Amino acid sequence: MQVRHAACAALLMLSTVACGGNGASSPSAPSALSGSPTLTGATVQGQVQSGTSVLGMTAATTGAAASGLTVTVVGTSISATVSGLGQFVLNGVPVGSSQLNFSGPGVNVTVSFTPVQGTETISINVKISGNHAEIESEEHDNHGDLEINGTISNLTGSAESFSFMVGTKTVHGDQQTSFFGDGNRADDFETLHNGARVEVKAAMRDSLVYAQRIHINGSNGSADDGDDHEGDNDDDDGQDNGGSHAGQAEASGAISGLTPGCPSISFMLSGTAVTTNSSTEFKGASCSSLQNGDRVKVEGTKQPSGAILAKEVKKQ
């Protein structure tokens, strides 16, 4: 009996397992998932290029010149170190985050990107030169819905079937693709040109990325502007001149005169009336959280009254 009690005491000290015939059962092993944090927020993965003034490099170089820089999501404690290949990954980036800070020897720069919408994957290419940085391309993959921002290269084809590159991503388009310019004027394929900066909403089709909508930044051109691709005439009044996408319109600025009643709200944006309905998609903020003073970008259809019925409202 003394041996049995001694053994039981030793077991109690080592594993808190109850001894004796009193019916107590041994505690089960912890679940593999117990205490494991659930991953929330977005994943931001990036490629960094460093220019001439970073660590003495003579040309923009991917990798070694940027190695060792720390990248931090502004306003959070989320950070990572840029690898020897110039790459980094940030997990759990919260909704609304839109700035990254890069710091290291001789470098302290901040860049802005499109605000995080949820549990999406964001891929960016960043070029850093001394204390100057810019995002050369940006892609948001929100569970199959793609947003790709950057500068066009290798444009080929016609309105019926075309393709171009944004960074390393190939984007295809066809007659189903719609176009937006700045202001309330519509653009079309003829306005696209290499070097134009675009915002593309796309989806996968036949294993390829197909543009559903293309916004051409800094362009007020339309099909009747002639046969060139410059489209940089700012002398017009921003009104829609017609064309195959004459009903499409876009506006951005700070909200004023907000009339609540989600999903059907109305507000003014840079002198343009905007209305929403149950088909409107809200990004960056919910319908009910919008308030006067919020800066938003709206894409939609121009109504006979001159107002825009929003297809999408994105908080900036």
C-alpha atoms as a PDB file:
ATOM      1  CA  MET A   1       0.000   0.000   0.000  1.00  0.00           C
ATOM      2  CA  GLN A   2       2.848   2.405   0.783  1.00  0.00           C
ATOM      3  CA  VAL A   3       4.396   1.690  -2.617  1.00  0.00           C
ATOM      4  CA  ARG A   4       1.045   2.312  -4.339  1.00  0.00           C
ATOM      5  CA  HIS A   5       0.510   5.650  -2.520  1.00  0.00           C
ATOM      6  CA  ALA A   6       4.079   6.797  -3.287  1.00  0.00           C
ATOM      7  CA  ALA A   7       3.625   6.011  -6.965  1.00  0.00           C
ATOM      8  CA  CYS A   8       0.300   7.850  -6.989  1.00  0.00           C
ATOM      9  CA  ALA A   9       1.841  10.932  -5.367  1.00  0.00           C
ATOM     10  CA  ALA A  10       4.623  10.952  -7.943  1.00  0.00           C
ATOM     11  CA  LEU A  11       2.085  10.783 -10.765  1.00  0.00           C
ATOM     12  CA  LEU A  12       0.085  13.628  -9.215  1.00  0.00           C
ATOM     13  CA  MET A  13       3.182  15.824  -9.114  1.00  0.00           C
ATOM     14  CA  LEU A  14       4.161  15.041 -12.709  1.00  0.00           C
ATOM     15  CA  SER A  15       0.841  15.071 -14.517  1.00  0.00           C
ATOM     16  CA  THR A  16      -1.988  15.951 -12.097  1.00  0.00           C
ATOM     17  CA  VAL A  17      -3.604  12.616 -13.048  1.00  0.00           C
ATOM     18  CA  ALA A  18      -5.893  11.388 -10.251  1.00  0.00           C
ATOM     19  CA  CYS A  19      -5.054   8.014  -8.724  1.00  0.00           C
ATOM     20  CA  GLY A  20      -7.231   5.573  -6.853  1.00  0.00           C
ATOM     21  CA  GLY A  21     -10.439   3.901  -7.832  1.00  0.00           C
ATOM     22  CA  ASN A  22     -12.754   6.877  -7.319  1.00  0.00           C
ATOM     23  CA  GLY A  23     -13.879   7.097 -10.973  1.00  0.00           C
ATOM     24  CA  ALA A  24     -11.986  10.340 -11.817  1.00  0.00           C
ATOM     25  CA  SER A  25     -10.766  10.336 -15.412  1.00  0.00           C
ATOM     26  CA  SER A  26      -7.510  11.630 -16.799  1.00  0.00           C
ATOM     27  CA  PRO A  27      -7.770  15.029 -18.504  1.00  0.00           C
ATOM     28  CA  SER A  28      -7.685  14.867 -22.296  1.00  0.00           C
ATOM     29  CA  ALA A  29      -4.851  16.399 -24.287  1.00  0.00           C
ATOM     30  CA  PRO A  30      -5.396  19.985 -25.448  1.00  0.00           C
ATOM     31  CA  SER A  31      -6.956  20.326 -28.871  1.00  0.00           C
ATOM     32  CA  ALA A  32      -4.516  21.234 -31.651  1.00  0.00           C
ATOM     33  CA  LEU A  33      -6.663  24.304 -32.334  1.00  0.00           C
ATOM     34  CA  SER A  34      -6.994  25.372 -28.695  1.00  0.00           C
ATOM     35  CA  GLY A  35      -5.473  28.791 -28.140  1.00  0.00           C
ATOM     36  CA  SER A  36      -4.474  29.156 -31.824  1.00  0.00           C
ATOM     37  CA  PRO A  37      -5.346  32.647 -33.055  1.00  0.00           C
ATOM     38  CA  THR A  38      -7.753  32.861 -35.972  1.00  0.00           C
ATOM     39  CA  LEU A  39      -6.213  34.776 -38.858  1.00  0.00           C
ATOM     40  CA  THR A  40      -8.249  37.875 -39.651  1.00  0.00           C
ATOM     41  CA  GLY A  41      -7.673  40.854 -41.885  1.00  0.00           C
ATOM     42  CA  ALA A  42      -5.804  40.995 -45.156  1.00  0.00           C
ATOM     43  CA  THR A  43      -2.486  39.652 -46.365  1.00  0.00           C
ATOM     44  CA  VAL A  44      -0.221  42.255 -47.968  1.00  0.00           C
ATOM     45  CA  GLN A  45       2.633  40.792 -49.966  1.00  0.00           C
ATOM     46  CA  GLY A  46       5.146  42.976 -51.714  1.00  0.00           C
ATOM     47  CA  GLN A  47       8.167  43.267 -53.954  1.00  0.00           C
ATOM     48  CA  VAL A  48      10.545  46.174 -53.327  1.00  0.00           C
ATOM     49  CA  GLN A  49      12.807  47.823 -55.874  1.00  0.00           C
ATOM     50  CA  SER A  50      15.523  50.167 -54.668  1.00  0.00           C
ATOM     51  CA  GLY A  51      16.849  53.075 -56.726  1.00  0.00           C
ATOM     52  CA  THR A  52      20.124  54.912 -57.143  1.00  0.00           C
ATOM     53  CA  SER A  53      20.282  56.590 -53.745  1.00  0.00           C
ATOM     54  CA  VAL A  54      19.633  53.481 -51.696  1.00  0.00           C
ATOM     55  CA  LEU A  55      22.814  51.818 -50.470  1.00  0.00           C
ATOM     56  CA  GLY A  56      24.779  53.207 -53.420  1.00  0.00           C
ATOM     57  CA  MET A  57      23.080  51.175 -56.141  1.00  0.00           C
ATOM     58  CA  THR A  58      23.578  52.508 -59.657  1.00  0.00           C
ATOM     59  CA  ALA A  59      20.136  51.488 -61.006  1.00  0.00           C
ATOM     60  CA  ALA A  60      16.766  50.334 -59.786  1.00  0.00           C
ATOM     61  CA  THR A  61      17.443  46.873 -58.401  1.00  0.00           C
ATOM     62  CA  THR A  62      15.111  44.259 -56.970  1.00  0.00           C
ATOM     63  CA  GLY A  63      16.310  42.510 -53.861  1.00  0.00           C
ATOM     64  CA  ALA A  64      19.641  43.062 -52.169  1.00  0.00           C
ATOM     65  CA  ALA A  65      19.526  46.864 -52.015  1.00  0.00           C
ATOM     66  CA  ALA A  66      16.218  46.736 -50.134  1.00  0.00           C
ATOM     67  CA  SER A  67      17.180  43.805 -47.922  1.00  0.00           C
ATOM     68  CA  GLY A  68      16.862  44.511 -44.209  1.00  0.00           C
ATOM     69  CA  LEU A  69      14.383  47.353 -44.501  1.00  0.00           C
ATOM     70  CA  THR A  70      11.496  47.154 -42.042  1.00  0.00           C
ATOM     71  CA  VAL A  71       7.999  47.599 -43.452  1.00  0.00           C
ATOM     72  CA  THR A  72       5.225  48.543 -41.018  1.00  0.00           C
ATOM     73  CA  VAL A  73       1.475  48.988 -41.459  1.00  0.00           C
ATOM     74  CA  VAL A  74       0.988  52.593 -40.331  1.00  0.00           C
ATOM     75  CA  GLY A  75      -1.179  52.824 -37.229  1.00  0.00           C
ATOM     76  CA  THR A  76      -0.535  49.225 -36.175  1.00  0.00           C
ATOM     77  CA  SER A  77       2.245  47.103 -34.708  1.00  0.00           C
ATOM     78  CA  ILE A  78       2.246  44.817 -37.763  1.00  0.00           C
ATOM     79  CA  SER A  79       5.671  44.736 -39.411  1.00  0.00           C
ATOM     80  CA  ALA A  80       8.038  42.544 -41.395  1.00  0.00           C
ATOM     81  CA  THR A  81      11.598  42.605 -42.686  1.00  0.00           C
ATOM     82  CA  VAL A  82      12.271  42.861 -46.408  1.00  0.00           C
ATOM     83  CA  SER A  83      14.113  39.732 -47.526  1.00  0.00           C
ATOM     84  CA  GLY A  84      17.260  39.441 -49.633  1.00  0.00           C
ATOM     85  CA  LEU A  85      14.987  39.039 -52.665  1.00  0.00           C
ATOM     86  CA  GLY A  86      13.221  42.301 -51.865  1.00  0.00           C
ATOM     87  CA  GLN A  87      10.053  40.565 -50.703  1.00  0.00           C
ATOM     88  CA  PHE A  88       7.846  40.865 -47.617  1.00  0.00           C
ATOM     89  CA  VAL A  89       4.547  39.520 -46.271  1.00  0.00           C
ATOM     90  CA  LEU A  90       2.277  41.198 -43.714  1.00  0.00           C
ATOM     91  CA  ASN A  91      -0.563  39.154 -42.207  1.00  0.00           C
ATOM     92  CA  GLY A  92      -3.688  40.260 -40.364  1.00  0.00           C
ATOM     93  CA  VAL A  93      -3.753  43.780 -41.825  1.00  0.00           C
ATOM     94  CA  PRO A  94      -6.986  45.385 -40.544  1.00  0.00           C
ATOM     95  CA  VAL A  95      -9.787  46.826 -42.653  1.00  0.00           C
ATOM     96  CA  GLY A  96      -9.193  50.449 -43.604  1.00  0.00           C
ATOM     97  CA  SER A  97      -5.384  50.303 -43.452  1.00  0.00           C
ATOM     98  CA  SER A  98      -3.913  52.121 -46.435  1.00  0.00           C
ATOM     99  CA  GLN A  99      -0.304  53.114 -45.693  1.00  0.00           C
ATOM    100  CA  LEU A 100       3.021  51.288 -45.386  1.00  0.00           C
ATOM    101  CA  ASN A 101       6.186  52.756 -43.878  1.00  0.00           C
ATOM    102  CA  PHE A 102       9.624  51.537 -44.971  1.00  0.00           C
ATOM    103  CA  SER A 103      12.534  52.287 -42.674  1.00  0.00           C
ATOM    104  CA  GLY A 104      16.206  51.397 -42.508  1.00  0.00           C
ATOM    105  CA  PRO A 105      19.651  52.926 -43.095  1.00  0.00           C
ATOM    106  CA  GLY A 106      19.040  56.171 -45.001  1.00  0.00           C
ATOM    107  CA  VAL A 107      15.392  55.299 -45.654  1.00  0.00           C
ATOM    108  CA  ASN A 108      12.172  56.452 -43.980  1.00  0.00           C
ATOM    109  CA  VAL A 109       9.308  56.633 -46.474  1.00  0.00           C
ATOM    110  CA  THR A 110       5.554  56.066 -46.437  1.00  0.00           C
ATOM    111  CA  VAL A 111       3.387  54.987 -49.366  1.00  0.00           C
ATOM    112  CA  SER A 112      -0.394  54.817 -49.642  1.00  0.00           C
ATOM    113  CA  PHE A 113      -2.430  52.040 -51.234  1.00  0.00           C
ATOM    114  CA  THR A 114      -6.132  51.332 -51.717  1.00  0.00           C
ATOM    115  CA  PRO A 115      -7.760  50.756 -48.274  1.00  0.00           C
ATOM    116  CA  VAL A 116      -8.133  47.157 -47.097  1.00  0.00           C
ATOM    117  CA  GLN A 117     -11.635  45.801 -47.635  1.00  0.00           C
ATOM    118  CA  GLY A 118     -11.500  42.558 -45.625  1.00  0.00           C
ATOM    119  CA  THR A 119      -9.813  39.161 -45.800  1.00  0.00           C
ATOM    120  CA  GLU A 120      -8.285  39.840 -49.194  1.00  0.00           C
ATOM    121  CA  THR A 121      -4.790  39.338 -50.589  1.00  0.00           C
ATOM    122  CA  ILE A 122      -3.017  42.498 -51.742  1.00  0.00           C
ATOM    123  CA  SER A 123       0.090  42.317 -53.934  1.00  0.00           C
ATOM    124  CA  ILE A 124       2.125  45.475 -54.496  1.00  0.00           C
ATOM    125  CA  ASN A 125       5.344  46.466 -56.248  1.00  0.00           C
ATOM    126  CA  VAL A 126       7.105  49.380 -54.533  1.00  0.00           C
ATOM    127  CA  LYS A 127       9.995  51.436 -55.889  1.00  0.00           C
ATOM    128  CA  ILE A 128      12.109  53.222 -53.278  1.00  0.00           C
ATOM    129  CA  SER A 129      14.792  55.785 -54.041  1.00  0.00           C
ATOM    130  CA  GLY A 130      16.211  57.484 -50.972  1.00  0.00           C
ATOM    131  CA  ASN A 131      13.297  59.139 -49.199  1.00  0.00           C
ATOM    132  CA  HIS A 132      10.970  58.877 -52.182  1.00  0.00           C
ATOM    133  CA  ALA A 133       8.735  55.885 -52.826  1.00  0.00           C
ATOM    134  CA  GLU A 134       5.829  54.996 -55.085  1.00  0.00           C
ATOM    135  CA  ILE A 135       3.674  51.973 -55.725  1.00  0.00           C
ATOM    136  CA  GLU A 136       4.197  50.928 -59.326  1.00  0.00           C
ATOM    137  CA  SER A 137       1.449  48.306 -59.358  1.00  0.00           C
ATOM    138  CA  GLU A 138      -1.173  47.080 -56.916  1.00  0.00           C
ATOM    139  CA  GLU A 139      -3.494  44.067 -57.069  1.00  0.00           C
ATOM    140  CA  HIS A 140      -6.355  43.192 -54.709  1.00  0.00           C
ATOM    141  CA  ASP A 141      -7.693  39.633 -54.826  1.00  0.00           C
ATOM    142  CA  ASN A 142     -10.893  39.603 -52.791  1.00  0.00           C
ATOM    143  CA  HIS A 143     -11.840  35.953 -53.184  1.00  0.00           C
ATOM    144  CA  GLY A 144     -11.864  36.078 -56.980  1.00  0.00           C
ATOM    145  CA  ASP A 145     -12.797  39.745 -57.444  1.00  0.00           C
ATOM    146  CA  LEU A 146      -9.643  41.482 -58.666  1.00  0.00           C
ATOM    147  CA  GLU A 147      -8.597  45.131 -58.544  1.00  0.00           C
ATOM    148  CA  ILE A 148      -5.381  45.965 -60.389  1.00  0.00           C
ATOM    149  CA  ASN A 149      -3.846  49.458 -60.347  1.00  0.00           C
ATOM    150  CA  GLY A 150      -0.776  50.634 -62.201  1.00  0.00           C
ATOM    151  CA  THR A 151       0.736  51.751 -65.494  1.00  0.00           C
ATOM    152  CA  ILE A 152      -0.044  50.084 -68.823  1.00  0.00           C
ATOM    153  CA  SER A 153       2.654  48.472 -70.967  1.00  0.00           C
ATOM    154  CA  ASN A 154       2.629  46.079 -73.951  1.00  0.00           C
ATOM    155  CA  LEU A 155      -0.850  47.141 -75.111  1.00  0.00           C
ATOM    156  CA  THR A 156      -1.996  45.114 -78.135  1.00  0.00           C
ATOM    157  CA  GLY A 157      -5.232  44.260 -79.952  1.00  0.00           C
ATOM    158  CA  SER A 158      -8.486  46.053 -80.693  1.00  0.00           C
ATOM    159  CA  ALA A 159     -11.704  46.880 -78.839  1.00  0.00           C
ATOM    160  CA  GLU A 160     -13.001  43.391 -79.673  1.00  0.00           C
ATOM    161  CA  SER A 161     -10.011  41.673 -78.063  1.00  0.00           C
ATOM    162  CA  PHE A 162      -7.036  43.322 -76.366  1.00  0.00           C
ATOM    163  CA  SER A 163      -4.468  42.813 -73.646  1.00  0.00           C
ATOM    164  CA  PHE A 164      -1.906  44.817 -71.704  1.00  0.00           C
ATOM    165  CA  MET A 165       0.457  44.485 -68.757  1.00  0.00           C
ATOM    166  CA  VAL A 166       0.224  46.180 -65.371  1.00  0.00           C
ATOM    167  CA  GLY A 167       3.442  45.346 -63.580  1.00  0.00           C
ATOM    168  CA  THR A 168       3.824  41.613 -64.116  1.00  0.00           C
ATOM    169  CA  LYS A 169       0.091  40.971 -64.519  1.00  0.00           C
ATOM    170  CA  THR A 170      -1.456  40.423 -67.965  1.00  0.00           C
ATOM    171  CA  VAL A 171      -4.962  41.860 -68.306  1.00  0.00           C
ATOM    172  CA  HIS A 172      -7.327  40.932 -71.149  1.00  0.00           C
ATOM    173  CA  GLY A 173     -10.367  42.837 -72.385  1.00  0.00           C
ATOM    174  CA  ASP A 174     -13.107  42.639 -74.989  1.00  0.00           C
ATOM    175  CA  GLN A 175     -16.472  44.152 -75.885  1.00  0.00           C
ATOM    176  CA  GLN A 176     -17.775  43.312 -72.409  1.00  0.00           C
ATOM    177  CA  THR A 177     -15.222  45.688 -70.860  1.00  0.00           C
ATOM    178  CA  SER A 178     -16.521  49.138 -69.881  1.00  0.00           C
ATOM    179  CA  PHE A 179     -14.433  52.282 -69.481  1.00  0.00           C
ATOM    180  CA  PHE A 180     -14.414  55.326 -67.188  1.00  0.00           C
ATOM    181  CA  GLY A 181     -12.420  58.532 -67.478  1.00  0.00           C
ATOM    182  CA  ASP A 182     -12.049  61.277 -64.895  1.00  0.00           C
ATOM    183  CA  GLY A 183     -15.009  63.577 -64.407  1.00  0.00           C
ATOM    184  CA  ASN A 184     -18.338  62.632 -65.956  1.00  0.00           C
ATOM    185  CA  ARG A 185     -17.057  61.721 -69.415  1.00  0.00           C
ATOM    186  CA  ALA A 186     -16.786  58.208 -70.760  1.00  0.00           C
ATOM    187  CA  ASP A 187     -13.651  56.721 -72.294  1.00  0.00           C
ATOM    188  CA  ASP A 188     -13.220  53.711 -74.550  1.00  0.00           C
ATOM    189  CA  PHE A 189     -10.514  51.436 -75.929  1.00  0.00           C
ATOM    190  CA  GLU A 190      -9.161  54.210 -78.148  1.00  0.00           C
ATOM    191  CA  THR A 191      -8.145  56.176 -75.055  1.00  0.00           C
ATOM    192  CA  LEU A 192      -5.913  53.390 -73.721  1.00  0.00           C
ATOM    193  CA  HIS A 193      -2.209  53.831 -74.361  1.00  0.00           C
ATOM    194  CA  ASN A 194       1.088  52.584 -72.995  1.00  0.00           C
ATOM    195  CA  GLY A 195       2.075  54.693 -70.011  1.00  0.00           C
ATOM    196  CA  ALA A 196      -1.517  55.421 -68.962  1.00  0.00           C
ATOM    197  CA  ARG A 197      -2.238  54.786 -65.292  1.00  0.00           C
ATOM    198  CA  VAL A 198      -5.359  52.678 -64.815  1.00  0.00           C
ATOM    199  CA  GLU A 199      -7.553  51.128 -62.147  1.00  0.00           C
ATOM    200  CA  VAL A 200      -8.940  47.806 -63.355  1.00  0.00           C
ATOM    201  CA  LYS A 201     -11.757  45.739 -61.906  1.00  0.00           C
ATOM    202  CA  ALA A 202     -11.370  42.204 -63.202  1.00  0.00           C
ATOM    203  CA  ALA A 203     -12.312  38.587 -62.746  1.00  0.00           C
ATOM    204  CA  MET A 204     -10.950  35.241 -63.848  1.00  0.00           C
ATOM    205  CA  ARG A 205     -12.377  33.831 -67.067  1.00  0.00           C
ATOM    206  CA  ASP A 206     -10.969  30.752 -68.803  1.00  0.00           C
ATOM    207  CA  SER A 207      -7.988  30.927 -66.430  1.00  0.00           C
ATOM    208  CA  LEU A 208      -7.186  34.475 -67.656  1.00  0.00           C
ATOM    209  CA  VAL A 209      -7.669  37.879 -66.008  1.00  0.00           C
ATOM    210  CA  TYR A 210     -10.414  39.773 -67.861  1.00  0.00           C
ATOM    211  CA  ALA A 211     -11.156  43.438 -67.226  1.00  0.00           C
ATOM    212  CA  GLN A 212     -14.778  44.202 -66.411  1.00  0.00           C
ATOM    213  CA  ARG A 213     -14.238  47.938 -65.894  1.00  0.00           C
ATOM    214  CA  ILE A 214     -11.236  50.161 -66.604  1.00  0.00           C
ATOM    215  CA  HIS A 215     -10.802  53.609 -65.099  1.00  0.00           C
ATOM    216  CA  ILE A 216      -8.206  55.681 -66.946  1.00  0.00           C
ATOM    217  CA  ASN A 217      -6.632  58.151 -64.514  1.00  0.00           C
ATOM    218  CA  GLY A 218      -6.044  61.688 -65.701  1.00  0.00           C
ATOM    219  CA  SER A 219      -8.014  61.223 -68.915  1.00  0.00           C
ATOM    220  CA  ASN A 220     -11.088  63.083 -70.101  1.00  0.00           C
ATOM    221  CA  GLY A 221     -10.814  61.715 -73.606  1.00  0.00           C
ATOM    222  CA  SER A 222     -13.595  59.994 -75.514  1.00  0.00           C
ATOM    223  CA  ALA A 223     -14.113  58.371 -78.884  1.00  0.00           C
ATOM    224  CA  ASP A 224     -14.811  61.691 -80.624  1.00  0.00           C
ATOM    225  CA  ASP A 225     -11.557  63.318 -79.497  1.00  0.00           C
ATOM    226  CA  GLY A 226      -9.771  62.147 -82.613  1.00  0.00           C
ATOM    227  CA  ASP A 227      -7.578  59.191 -83.335  1.00  0.00           C
ATOM    228  CA  ASP A 228      -4.773  59.911 -80.878  1.00  0.00           C
ATOM    229  CA  HIS A 229      -4.453  58.347 -77.450  1.00  0.00           C
ATOM    230  CA  GLU A 230      -3.432  61.350 -75.433  1.00  0.00           C
ATOM    231  CA  GLY A 231      -6.838  62.188 -73.948  1.00  0.00           C
ATOM    232  CA  ASP A 232      -5.372  64.820 -71.635  1.00  0.00           C
ATOM    233  CA  ASN A 233      -7.513  67.805 -72.630  1.00  0.00           C
ATOM    234  CA  ASP A 234      -8.764  69.469 -69.472  1.00  0.00           C
ATOM    235  CA  ASP A 235     -10.532  72.333 -71.265  1.00  0.00           C
ATOM    236  CA  ASP A 236     -13.952  70.668 -71.283  1.00  0.00           C
ATOM    237  CA  ASP A 237     -16.654  71.052 -68.655  1.00  0.00           C
ATOM    238  CA  GLY A 238     -16.546  67.402 -67.611  1.00  0.00           C
ATOM    239  CA  GLN A 239     -19.865  66.569 -69.294  1.00  0.00           C
ATOM    240  CA  ASP A 240     -20.595  63.320 -71.063  1.00  0.00           C
ATOM    241  CA  ASN A 241     -20.221  63.642 -74.850  1.00  0.00           C
ATOM    242  CA  GLY A 242     -21.875  60.370 -75.747  1.00  0.00           C
ATOM    243  CA  GLY A 243     -20.364  57.211 -77.170  1.00  0.00           C
ATOM    244  CA  SER A 244     -20.954  53.543 -76.455  1.00  0.00           C
ATOM    245  CA  HIS A 245     -20.690  54.096 -72.688  1.00  0.00           C
ATOM    246  CA  ALA A 246     -22.356  57.499 -72.554  1.00  0.00           C
ATOM    247  CA  GLY A 247     -24.466  56.602 -69.491  1.00  0.00           C
ATOM    248  CA  GLN A 248     -21.479  55.852 -67.284  1.00  0.00           C
ATOM    249  CA  ALA A 249     -20.164  58.464 -64.880  1.00  0.00           C
ATOM    250  CA  GLU A 250     -17.754  58.896 -62.008  1.00  0.00           C
ATOM    251  CA  ALA A 251     -17.090  61.456 -59.282  1.00  0.00           C
ATOM    252  CA  SER A 252     -14.925  61.801 -56.197  1.00  0.00           C
ATOM    253  CA  GLY A 253     -14.573  64.168 -53.268  1.00  0.00           C
ATOM    254  CA  ALA A 254     -15.972  64.796 -49.791  1.00  0.00           C
ATOM    255  CA  ILE A 255     -19.573  63.875 -48.972  1.00  0.00           C
ATOM    256  CA  SER A 256     -21.969  66.690 -48.100  1.00  0.00           C
ATOM    257  CA  GLY A 257     -25.735  66.937 -47.663  1.00  0.00           C
ATOM    258  CA  LEU A 258     -26.024  63.255 -46.747  1.00  0.00           C
ATOM    259  CA  THR A 259     -29.606  61.970 -46.532  1.00  0.00           C
ATOM    260  CA  PRO A 260     -29.677  58.612 -44.661  1.00  0.00           C
ATOM    261  CA  GLY A 261     -31.925  55.632 -45.333  1.00  0.00           C
ATOM    262  CA  CYS A 262     -29.704  52.705 -46.360  1.00  0.00           C
ATOM    263  CA  PRO A 263     -29.508  51.182 -48.841  1.00  0.00           C
ATOM    264  CA  SER A 264     -31.099  54.178 -50.610  1.00  0.00           C
ATOM    265  CA  ILE A 265     -29.103  57.221 -49.547  1.00  0.00           C
ATOM    266  CA  SER A 266     -28.265  60.457 -51.355  1.00  0.00           C
ATOM    267  CA  PHE A 267     -25.486  63.006 -51.030  1.00  0.00           C
ATOM    268  CA  MET A 268     -23.541  65.655 -52.923  1.00  0.00           C
ATOM    269  CA  LEU A 269     -20.052  65.054 -54.250  1.00  0.00           C
ATOM    270  CA  SER A 270     -18.119  67.985 -55.755  1.00  0.00           C
ATOM    271  CA  GLY A 271     -21.368  69.532 -56.936  1.00  0.00           C
ATOM    272  CA  THR A 272     -22.778  66.272 -58.306  1.00  0.00           C
ATOM    273  CA  ALA A 273     -25.804  64.568 -56.738  1.00  0.00           C
ATOM    274  CA  VAL A 274     -25.320  60.867 -55.964  1.00  0.00           C
ATOM    275  CA  THR A 275     -27.952  58.270 -55.077  1.00  0.00           C
ATOM    276  CA  THR A 276     -27.638  54.619 -54.120  1.00  0.00           C
ATOM    277  CA  ASN A 277     -29.946  51.611 -54.065  1.00  0.00           C
ATOM    278  CA  SER A 278     -29.916  47.951 -53.078  1.00  0.00           C
ATOM    279  CA  SER A 279     -27.590  47.131 -55.991  1.00  0.00           C
ATOM    280  CA  THR A 280     -24.897  49.608 -54.931  1.00  0.00           C
ATOM    281  CA  GLU A 281     -21.638  48.060 -53.725  1.00  0.00           C
ATOM    282  CA  PHE A 282     -19.956  49.811 -50.785  1.00  0.00           C
ATOM    283  CA  LYS A 283     -16.204  49.394 -50.258  1.00  0.00           C
ATOM    284  CA  GLY A 284     -14.015  50.663 -47.442  1.00  0.00           C
ATOM    285  CA  ALA A 285     -17.064  51.542 -45.361  1.00  0.00           C
ATOM    286  CA  SER A 286     -20.622  50.286 -45.029  1.00  0.00           C
ATOM    287  CA  CYS A 287     -23.597  52.308 -46.217  1.00  0.00           C
ATOM    288  CA  SER A 288     -24.695  53.073 -42.664  1.00  0.00           C
ATOM    289  CA  SER A 289     -21.238  54.265 -41.544  1.00  0.00           C
ATOM    290  CA  LEU A 290     -20.805  56.949 -44.214  1.00  0.00           C
ATOM    291  CA  GLN A 291     -21.020  60.524 -42.975  1.00  0.00           C
ATOM    292  CA  ASN A 292     -20.541  64.066 -44.185  1.00  0.00           C
ATOM    293  CA  GLY A 293     -16.876  64.845 -44.747  1.00  0.00           C
ATOM    294  CA  ASP A 294     -15.900  61.298 -45.759  1.00  0.00           C
ATOM    295  CA  ARG A 295     -13.935  61.231 -49.014  1.00  0.00           C
ATOM    296  CA  VAL A 296     -15.310  58.726 -51.493  1.00  0.00           C
ATOM    297  CA  LYS A 297     -15.062  57.731 -55.125  1.00  0.00           C
ATOM    298  CA  VAL A 298     -18.277  56.875 -56.969  1.00  0.00           C
ATOM    299  CA  GLU A 299     -18.813  54.970 -60.209  1.00  0.00           C
ATOM    300  CA  GLY A 300     -22.273  54.609 -61.677  1.00  0.00           C
ATOM    301  CA  THR A 301     -24.818  55.617 -64.275  1.00  0.00           C
ATOM    302  CA  LYS A 302     -25.697  59.194 -65.124  1.00  0.00           C
ATOM    303  CA  GLN A 303     -29.436  59.869 -64.802  1.00  0.00           C
ATOM    304  CA  PRO A 304     -31.524  62.317 -66.899  1.00  0.00           C
ATOM    305  CA  SER A 305     -31.516  64.660 -63.890  1.00  0.00           C
ATOM    306  CA  GLY A 306     -27.719  64.781 -63.972  1.00  0.00           C
ATOM    307  CA  ALA A 307     -27.375  62.748 -60.778  1.00  0.00           C
ATOM    308  CA  ILE A 308     -25.246  59.596 -60.608  1.00  0.00           C
ATOM    309  CA  LEU A 309     -26.914  56.346 -59.577  1.00  0.00           C
ATOM    310  CA  ALA A 310     -23.952  54.638 -57.933  1.00  0.00           C
ATOM    311  CA  LYS A 311     -22.884  51.143 -58.843  1.00  0.00           C
ATOM    312  CA  GLU A 312     -19.984  51.437 -56.413  1.00  0.00           C
ATOM    313  CA  VAL A 313     -19.101  53.791 -53.555  1.00  0.00           C
ATOM    314  CA  LYS A 314     -15.538  53.428 -52.304  1.00  0.00           C
ATOM    315  CA  LYS A 315     -14.307  55.268 -49.224  1.00  0.00           C
ATOM    316  CA  GLN A 316     -10.827  56.676 -49.802  1.00  0.00           C
END
